[in-house]
C-alpha atoms as a PDB file:
ATOM      1  CA  UNK A   1      -0.053   0.013  -0.125  1.00  0.00           C
ATOM      2  CA  UNK A   2       1.475   3.235  -1.051  1.00  0.00           C
ATOM      3  CA  UNK A   3       1.428   6.163   1.605  1.00  0.00           C
ATOM      4  CA  UNK A   4      -0.485   9.045   1.002  1.00  0.00           C
ATOM      5  CA  UNK A   5       1.190  12.476   0.797  1.00  0.00           C
ATOM      6  CA  UNK A   6      -0.194  13.242   4.245  1.00  0.00           C
ATOM      7  CA  UNK A   7       0.410  10.181   6.056  1.00  0.00           C
ATOM      8  CA  UNK A   8       3.222   8.577   8.112  1.00  0.00           C
ATOM      9  CA  UNK A   9       3.987   4.958   8.934  1.00  0.00           C
ATOM     10  CA  UNK A  10       5.711   3.759  12.066  1.00  0.00           C
ATOM     11  CA  UNK A  11       8.609   1.514  11.126  1.00  0.00           C
ATOM     12  CA  UNK A  12       9.245  -0.498  14.038  1.00  0.00           C
ATOM     13  CA  UNK A  13       8.503  -1.417  17.635  1.00  0.00           C
ATOM     14  CA  UNK A  14       4.991  -1.951  19.213  1.00  0.00           C
ATOM     15  CA  UNK A  15       3.074   0.158  16.728  1.00  0.00           C
ATOM     16  CA  UNK A  16       5.136  -1.222  13.782  1.00  0.00           C
ATOM     17  CA  UNK A  17       3.204  -0.559  10.601  1.00  0.00           C
ATOM     18  CA  UNK A  18       0.535   1.831  12.138  1.00  0.00           C
ATOM     19  CA  UNK A  19      -0.304   4.759   9.598  1.00  0.00           C
ATOM     20  CA  UNK A  20      -0.988   8.196  10.771  1.00  0.00           C
ATOM     21  CA  UNK A  21      -2.654  10.828   8.650  1.00  0.00           C
ATOM     22  CA  UNK A  22      -1.816  14.366   9.550  1.00  0.00           C
ATOM     23  CA  UNK A  23      -3.400  17.675   8.503  1.00  0.00           C
ATOM     24  CA  UNK A  24      -2.317  18.957   5.177  1.00  0.00           C
ATOM     25  CA  UNK A  25      -0.273  21.619   6.582  1.00  0.00           C
ATOM     26  CA  UNK A  26       2.065  23.125   4.139  1.00  0.00           C
ATOM     27  CA  UNK A  27       5.013  23.434   6.437  1.00  0.00           C
ATOM     28  CA  UNK A  28       4.816  19.570   7.348  1.00  0.00           C
ATOM     29  CA  UNK A  29       7.740  17.589   5.938  1.00  0.00           C
ATOM     30  CA  UNK A  30       7.772  14.062   7.778  1.00  0.00           C
ATOM     31  CA  UNK A  31      11.232  12.592   7.993  1.00  0.00           C
ATOM     32  CA  UNK A  32      11.316   9.916   5.250  1.00  0.00           C
ATOM     33  CA  UNK A  33      10.997   6.117   6.166  1.00  0.00           C
ATOM     34  CA  UNK A  34      14.725   5.513   4.957  1.00  0.00           C
ATOM     35  CA  UNK A  35      16.155   8.543   7.272  1.00  0.00           C
ATOM     36  CA  UNK A  36      14.200   7.355  10.181  1.00  0.00           C
ATOM     37  CA  UNK A  37      15.364   3.948   9.858  1.00  0.00           C
ATOM     38  CA  UNK A  38      18.797   4.885   9.793  1.00  0.00           C
ATOM     39  CA  UNK A  39      18.449   7.364  12.530  1.00  0.00           C
ATOM     40  CA  UNK A  40      16.990   4.668  14.805  1.00  0.00           C
ATOM     41  CA  UNK A  41      19.471   2.257  14.060  1.00  0.00           C
ATOM     42  CA  UNK A  42      22.183   4.787  15.234  1.00  0.00           C
ATOM     43  CA  UNK A  43      20.084   5.002  18.434  1.00  0.00           C
ATOM     44  CA  UNK A  44      19.967   1.360  19.017  1.00  0.00           C
ATOM     45  CA  UNK A  45      20.339   0.783  22.627  1.00  0.00           C
ATOM     46  CA  UNK A  46      19.847   4.264  23.594  1.00  0.00           C
ATOM     47  CA  UNK A  47      15.737   4.378  23.474  1.00  0.00           C
ATOM     48  CA  UNK A  48      14.933   2.434  26.565  1.00  0.00           C
ATOM     49  CA  UNK A  49      13.266   4.659  29.040  1.00  0.00           C
ATOM     50  CA  UNK A  50      14.608   7.644  27.266  1.00  0.00           C
ATOM     51  CA  UNK A  51      12.851  11.274  27.729  1.00  0.00           C
ATOM     52  CA  UNK A  52      12.263  12.692  24.272  1.00  0.00           C
ATOM     53  CA  UNK A  53      11.668  16.304  23.068  1.00  0.00           C
ATOM     54  CA  UNK A  54      10.360  16.603  19.368  1.00  0.00           C
ATOM     55  CA  UNK A  55      10.435  20.210  18.548  1.00  0.00           C
ATOM     56  CA  UNK A  56       8.690  21.135  15.376  1.00  0.00           C
ATOM     57  CA  UNK A  57       6.700  17.963  15.892  1.00  0.00           C
ATOM     58  CA  UNK A  58       4.470  18.373  12.530  1.00  0.00           C
ATOM     59  CA  UNK A  59       3.601  14.841  11.711  1.00  0.00           C
ATOM     60  CA  UNK A  60       5.114  13.219  15.090  1.00  0.00           C
ATOM     61  CA  UNK A  61       6.749  10.737  13.276  1.00  0.00           C
ATOM     62  CA  UNK A  62      10.116  10.895  14.986  1.00  0.00           C
ATOM     63  CA  UNK A  63       8.463  11.054  18.560  1.00  0.00           C
ATOM     64  CA  UNK A  64       5.947   8.232  17.857  1.00  0.00           C
ATOM     65  CA  UNK A  65       8.853   6.190  16.266  1.00  0.00           C
ATOM     66  CA  UNK A  66      10.839   6.561  19.484  1.00  0.00           C
ATOM     67  CA  UNK A  67       7.735   5.968  21.872  1.00  0.00           C
ATOM     68  CA  UNK A  68       7.186   2.864  19.654  1.00  0.00           C
ATOM     69  CA  UNK A  69      10.677   1.403  20.159  1.00  0.00           C
ATOM     70  CA  UNK A  70      10.951   1.995  23.860  1.00  0.00           C
ATOM     71  CA  UNK A  71      11.355   5.481  24.956  1.00  0.00           C
ATOM     72  CA  UNK A  72       9.377   6.505  28.067  1.00  0.00           C
ATOM     73  CA  UNK A  73       8.135   9.557  27.289  1.00  0.00           C
ATOM     74  CA  UNK A  74       7.868  12.420  24.464  1.00  0.00           C
ATOM     75  CA  UNK A  75       6.890  16.056  24.616  1.00  0.00           C
ATOM     76  CA  UNK A  76       5.747  16.997  21.052  1.00  0.00           C
ATOM     77  CA  UNK A  77       6.069  20.725  20.438  1.00  0.00           C
ATOM     78  CA  UNK A  78       4.163  22.515  17.441  1.00  0.00           C
ATOM     79  CA  UNK A  79       2.808  26.013  17.406  1.00  0.00           C
ATOM     80  CA  UNK A  80       0.179  25.176  14.788  1.00  0.00           C
ATOM     81  CA  UNK A  81      -3.286  24.687  16.792  1.00  0.00           C
ATOM     82  CA  UNK A  82      -4.515  22.166  14.040  1.00  0.00           C
ATOM     83  CA  UNK A  83      -1.477  20.258  14.169  1.00  0.00           C
ATOM     84  CA  UNK A  84      -1.591  20.181  18.022  1.00  0.00           C
ATOM     85  CA  UNK A  85      -5.044  18.773  17.819  1.00  0.00           C
ATOM     86  CA  UNK A  86      -3.994  16.102  15.295  1.00  0.00           C
ATOM     87  CA  UNK A  87      -1.009  15.209  17.627  1.00  0.00           C
ATOM     88  CA  UNK A  88      -3.285  14.928  20.566  1.00  0.00           C
ATOM     89  CA  UNK A  89      -5.796  12.557  18.803  1.00  0.00           C
ATOM     90  CA  UNK A  90      -2.762  10.301  17.388  1.00  0.00           C
ATOM     91  CA  UNK A  91      -1.478  10.056  21.035  1.00  0.00           C
ATOM     92  CA  UNK A  92      -5.300   8.770  22.099  1.00  0.00           C
ATOM     93  CA  UNK A  93      -5.530   6.599  18.946  1.00  0.00           C
ATOM     94  CA  UNK A  94      -1.960   4.931  19.881  1.00  0.00           C
ATOM     95  CA  UNK A  95      -2.495   4.750  23.516  1.00  0.00           C
ATOM     96  CA  UNK A  96       0.745   6.629  23.831  1.00  0.00           C
ATOM     97  CA  UNK A  97       1.160   6.827  27.404  1.00  0.00           C
ATOM     98  CA  UNK A  98       4.048   9.351  28.333  1.00  0.00           C
ATOM     99  CA  UNK A  99       3.419  11.425  25.297  1.00  0.00           C
ATOM    100  CA  UNK A 100       2.102  14.968  25.676  1.00  0.00           C
ATOM    101  CA  UNK A 101       1.650  17.943  23.197  1.00  0.00           C
ATOM    102  CA  UNK A 102       2.623  21.600  23.769  1.00  0.00           C
ATOM    103  CA  UNK A 103       1.180  24.062  21.518  1.00  0.00           C
ATOM    104  CA  UNK A 104       4.064  26.677  21.574  1.00  0.00           C
ATOM    105  CA  UNK A 105       6.786  27.663  19.280  1.00  0.00           C
ATOM    106  CA  UNK A 106      10.161  26.011  19.761  1.00  0.00           C
ATOM    107  CA  UNK A 107      11.847  28.939  21.316  1.00  0.00           C
ATOM    108  CA  UNK A 108       9.061  29.661  23.829  1.00  0.00           C
ATOM    109  CA  UNK A 109       9.217  26.179  24.751  1.00  0.00           C
ATOM    110  CA  UNK A 110      12.724  26.178  25.782  1.00  0.00           C
ATOM    111  CA  UNK A 111      12.536  29.642  27.488  1.00  0.00           C
ATOM    112  CA  UNK A 112      10.186  27.823  30.424  1.00  0.00           C
ATOM    113  CA  UNK A 113      11.983  25.875  33.008  1.00  0.00           C
ATOM    114  CA  UNK A 114      11.521  22.172  33.083  1.00  0.00           C
ATOM    115  CA  UNK A 115      12.803  18.652  32.791  1.00  0.00           C
ATOM    116  CA  UNK A 116      15.841  17.451  30.699  1.00  0.00           C
ATOM    117  CA  UNK A 117      15.764  15.160  27.753  1.00  0.00           C
ATOM    118  CA  UNK A 118      17.912  12.363  26.633  1.00  0.00           C
ATOM    119  CA  UNK A 119      16.963  12.933  23.062  1.00  0.00           C
ATOM    120  CA  UNK A 120      15.951  15.863  21.197  1.00  0.00           C
ATOM    121  CA  UNK A 121      14.578  16.148  17.681  1.00  0.00           C
ATOM    122  CA  UNK A 122      15.312  19.530  15.985  1.00  0.00           C
ATOM    123  CA  UNK A 123      13.788  19.549  12.523  1.00  0.00           C
ATOM    124  CA  UNK A 124      12.645  23.031  11.555  1.00  0.00           C
ATOM    125  CA  UNK A 125      11.233  24.082   8.364  1.00  0.00           C
ATOM    126  CA  UNK A 126      14.063  24.268   5.546  1.00  0.00           C
ATOM    127  CA  UNK A 127      15.091  27.778   4.609  1.00  0.00           C
ATOM    128  CA  UNK A 128      14.310  29.330   7.943  1.00  0.00           C
ATOM    129  CA  UNK A 129      18.037  29.443   8.951  1.00  0.00           C
ATOM    130  CA  UNK A 130      16.795  28.520  12.394  1.00  0.00           C
ATOM    131  CA  UNK A 131      19.043  25.677  13.474  1.00  0.00           C
ATOM    132  CA  UNK A 132      21.948  27.446  14.605  1.00  0.00           C
ATOM    133  CA  UNK A 133      19.823  29.876  17.054  1.00  0.00           C
ATOM    134  CA  UNK A 134      17.887  26.786  18.310  1.00  0.00           C
ATOM    135  CA  UNK A 135      20.903  24.826  19.034  1.00  0.00           C
ATOM    136  CA  UNK A 136      22.062  28.040  21.159  1.00  0.00           C
ATOM    137  CA  UNK A 137      18.739  28.029  22.875  1.00  0.00           C
ATOM    138  CA  UNK A 138      18.552  24.431  23.473  1.00  0.00           C
ATOM    139  CA  UNK A 139      21.994  24.634  25.248  1.00  0.00           C
ATOM    140  CA  UNK A 140      20.995  27.781  27.205  1.00  0.00           C
ATOM    141  CA  UNK A 141      17.678  26.290  28.361  1.00  0.00           C
ATOM    142  CA  UNK A 142      19.557  23.411  30.045  1.00  0.00           C
ATOM    143  CA  UNK A 143      17.071  20.973  28.830  1.00  0.00           C
ATOM    144  CA  UNK A 144      19.713  18.396  27.967  1.00  0.00           C
ATOM    145  CA  UNK A 145      20.396  15.433  29.974  1.00  0.00           C
ATOM    146  CA  UNK A 146      24.152  14.366  30.389  1.00  0.00           C
ATOM    147  CA  UNK A 147      25.233  12.526  27.163  1.00  0.00           C
ATOM    148  CA  UNK A 148      21.792  13.561  25.523  1.00  0.00           C
ATOM    149  CA  UNK A 149      21.446  12.967  21.759  1.00  0.00           C
ATOM    150  CA  UNK A 150      20.355  15.921  19.470  1.00  0.00           C
ATOM    151  CA  UNK A 151      19.110  14.968  15.940  1.00  0.00           C
ATOM    152  CA  UNK A 152      18.952  17.583  13.190  1.00  0.00           C
ATOM    153  CA  UNK A 153      17.815  17.820   9.677  1.00  0.00           C
ATOM    154  CA  UNK A 154      18.601  20.421   7.189  1.00  0.00           C
ATOM    155  CA  UNK A 155      18.361  21.106   3.138  1.00  0.00           C
ATOM    156  CA  UNK A 156      21.371  18.949   1.567  1.00  0.00           C
ATOM    157  CA  UNK A 157      22.051  21.916  -0.358  1.00  0.00           C
ATOM    158  CA  UNK A 158      23.454  23.858   2.900  1.00  0.00           C
ATOM    159  CA  UNK A 159      25.960  23.241   5.319  1.00  0.00           C
ATOM    160  CA  UNK A 160      25.345  21.980   8.782  1.00  0.00           C
ATOM    161  CA  UNK A 161      24.892  24.738  11.310  1.00  0.00           C
ATOM    162  CA  UNK A 162      28.001  25.776  13.542  1.00  0.00           C
ATOM    163  CA  UNK A 163      27.650  24.142  16.653  1.00  0.00           C
ATOM    164  CA  UNK A 164      27.846  25.555  20.266  1.00  0.00           C
ATOM    165  CA  UNK A 165      30.611  24.212  22.380  1.00  0.00           C
ATOM    166  CA  UNK A 166      29.627  21.001  23.957  1.00  0.00           C
ATOM    167  CA  UNK A 167      27.756  19.609  21.046  1.00  0.00           C
ATOM    168  CA  UNK A 168      29.541  17.316  18.459  1.00  0.00           C
ATOM    169  CA  UNK A 169      28.451  15.523  15.236  1.00  0.00           C
ATOM    170  CA  UNK A 170      28.530  11.713  16.017  1.00  0.00           C
ATOM    171  CA  UNK A 171      27.259  10.393  12.720  1.00  0.00           C
ATOM    172  CA  UNK A 172      25.977  12.132   9.294  1.00  0.00           C
ATOM    173  CA  UNK A 173      24.305  11.060   6.291  1.00  0.00           C
ATOM    174  CA  UNK A 174      22.473  12.335   3.343  1.00  0.00           C
ATOM    175  CA  UNK A 175      19.194  11.197   1.768  1.00  0.00           C
ATOM    176  CA  UNK A 176      17.794  12.970  -1.498  1.00  0.00           C
ATOM    177  CA  UNK A 177      17.067  16.616  -0.539  1.00  0.00           C
ATOM    178  CA  UNK A 178      17.865  16.275   3.254  1.00  0.00           C
ATOM    179  CA  UNK A 179      21.104  16.011   5.258  1.00  0.00           C
ATOM    180  CA  UNK A 180      20.892  14.803   8.721  1.00  0.00           C
ATOM    181  CA  UNK A 181      22.966  14.699  11.649  1.00  0.00           C
ATOM    182  CA  UNK A 182      22.963  12.927  15.218  1.00  0.00           C
ATOM    183  CA  UNK A 183      24.799  15.234  17.798  1.00  0.00           C
ATOM    184  CA  UNK A 184      25.972  14.059  21.006  1.00  0.00           C
ATOM    185  CA  UNK A 185      26.122  16.573  24.162  1.00  0.00           C
ATOM    186  CA  UNK A 186      29.219  16.200  26.096  1.00  0.00           C
ATOM    187  CA  UNK A 187      28.527  19.462  28.013  1.00  0.00           C
ATOM    188  CA  UNK A 188      27.536  19.888  31.728  1.00  0.00           C
END
């Protein structure tokens, strides 16, 4: 069965094969299946009990995949109220205990005080040049647990953003129009 344009499939774990239809919002660009497969292969052994943060959640593909594969919790952040409603409905449909939605912009979410995360997905709309300032805001927010992972995506035609001290590229790859990187937090 071919996926619809506004549909995402969970690849592995307890919800393997489940499909979720997200609103046809123009800015939603789900991480492709083969990119998610590679990312979660890189993260193998790091997901059990992980606390995840999915900024620019959109379809929720990354957070739902992490939860399906054993992450303990996920905060899905998206500023679009229609997308936030979809994410809440998807959480209910999956019975995703430990998942919550915050209808806020990424920077606003990071400004609030709160818990630390073991894995952060940071995939803003391409062309916004938002990655560098968002990585800085993420570090300043002190939301990263010790030795946390940070996943970023950007257009393949652009270079990766400069990384703040304490973050280093652990793995990188390109697939079509997407470059993606798994970063490791080595800071305090």
